[in-house]
Protein backbone atom coordinates (compact mmCIF):
# COMPACT_ATOMS: atom_id res chain seq x y z
CA MET A 1 -64.71 -106.11 167.40
CA GLN A 2 -67.94 -106.19 169.48
CA PRO A 3 -66.59 -105.67 172.48
CA THR A 4 -64.50 -102.50 171.26
CA ILE A 5 -68.15 -101.43 169.56
CA ASP A 6 -69.80 -101.72 173.22
CA ARG A 7 -67.09 -99.57 174.87
CA ILE A 8 -67.60 -96.94 172.22
CA LEU A 9 -71.32 -96.95 172.67
CA GLN A 10 -71.07 -97.08 176.34
CA ALA A 11 -68.35 -94.22 176.72
CA ILE A 12 -70.88 -92.28 174.24
CA ASN A 13 -73.67 -92.72 176.24
CA GLU A 14 -72.31 -92.11 179.63
CA CYS A 15 -71.45 -88.46 178.59
CA LYS A 16 -75.12 -87.03 178.65
CA ASP A 17 -74.50 -83.52 178.23
CA PRO A 18 -70.97 -83.21 176.57
CA ILE A 19 -71.41 -79.20 176.22
CA LYS A 20 -72.23 -78.34 179.93
CA ASN A 21 -69.96 -81.37 181.44
CA THR A 22 -66.64 -80.89 180.30
CA VAL A 23 -65.04 -83.28 182.61
CA ALA A 24 -67.37 -86.17 181.64
CA ARG A 25 -66.55 -84.89 177.74
CA ASN A 26 -62.86 -84.88 178.45
CA LYS A 27 -63.07 -88.53 180.02
CA ARG A 28 -65.02 -89.49 177.30
CA ASP A 29 -62.98 -88.09 174.72
CA ALA A 30 -59.89 -89.70 176.13
CA ILE A 31 -61.34 -93.18 175.88
CA LEU A 32 -62.64 -92.95 172.48
CA ASP A 33 -59.46 -91.39 171.32
CA GLU A 34 -57.63 -94.27 172.83
CA ILE A 35 -60.11 -96.88 171.02
CA GLY A 36 -59.70 -94.75 167.82
CA MET A 37 -56.03 -95.34 167.76
CA GLN A 38 -56.53 -99.20 167.87
CA LEU A 39 -59.05 -99.09 164.70
CA LEU A 40 -56.79 -96.91 162.47
CA ASP A 41 -56.93 -100.02 160.11
CA LYS A 42 -60.55 -100.66 159.93
CA SER A 43 -62.86 -98.98 157.33
CA ARG A 44 -65.78 -96.69 157.98
CA ILE A 45 -68.14 -99.66 156.64
CA GLU A 46 -66.63 -102.29 158.72
CA VAL A 47 -67.35 -99.93 162.08
CA GLU A 48 -70.84 -98.71 161.07
CA SER A 49 -71.65 -102.42 160.25
CA TYR A 50 -72.04 -103.52 164.31
CA ALA A 51 -74.80 -100.87 164.77
CA LYS A 52 -77.90 -102.60 165.58
CA ASP A 53 -80.38 -99.39 164.99
CA ASP A 54 -80.19 -95.98 163.48
CA ASP A 55 -79.06 -94.39 166.86
CA GLN A 56 -76.05 -96.82 167.03
CA LEU A 57 -75.01 -95.95 163.43
CA GLN A 58 -75.21 -92.29 164.09
CA ALA A 59 -73.10 -93.02 167.15
CA LEU A 60 -70.72 -94.99 165.61
CA SER A 61 -70.80 -92.66 162.55
CA TRP A 62 -69.75 -89.56 164.66
CA PHE A 63 -67.00 -91.62 166.35
CA TYR A 64 -65.20 -92.76 162.93
CA THR A 65 -65.23 -89.27 161.57
CA ARG A 66 -64.06 -87.58 164.94
CA PHE A 67 -61.40 -90.44 166.23
CA VAL A 68 -60.46 -92.29 163.24
CA HIS A 69 -60.81 -90.47 159.72
CA PHE A 70 -59.08 -87.38 160.52
CA LYS A 71 -56.34 -89.31 162.26
CA VAL A 72 -56.19 -91.54 158.96
CA SER A 73 -56.12 -88.69 156.85
CA ASN A 74 -53.50 -86.67 158.70
CA ARG A 75 -50.82 -89.79 158.94
CA PRO A 76 -47.49 -89.23 157.12
CA ILE A 77 -47.19 -90.59 153.75
CA LYS A 78 -44.53 -93.13 153.32
CA LYS A 79 -41.94 -92.53 150.88
CA MET A 80 -41.00 -95.28 148.13
CA GLU A 81 -37.33 -95.78 148.00
């Protein structure tokens, strides 16, 4: 899990000015979207527990909210038969 967390933090840090640099933002978002799909079964607490400081905690919280939480909450509900 630590290598995945490192990839998340690296992608976030590489995009210095996401408002003005749309190419870098789109690249970052594509990477984070792919990682987010792999972490759908992980809880927010589990992902955020890998933060080493407040900056990393904030970055991982933002990542989880944007790229995992909304995907989990929008998944179709399986009907019981």
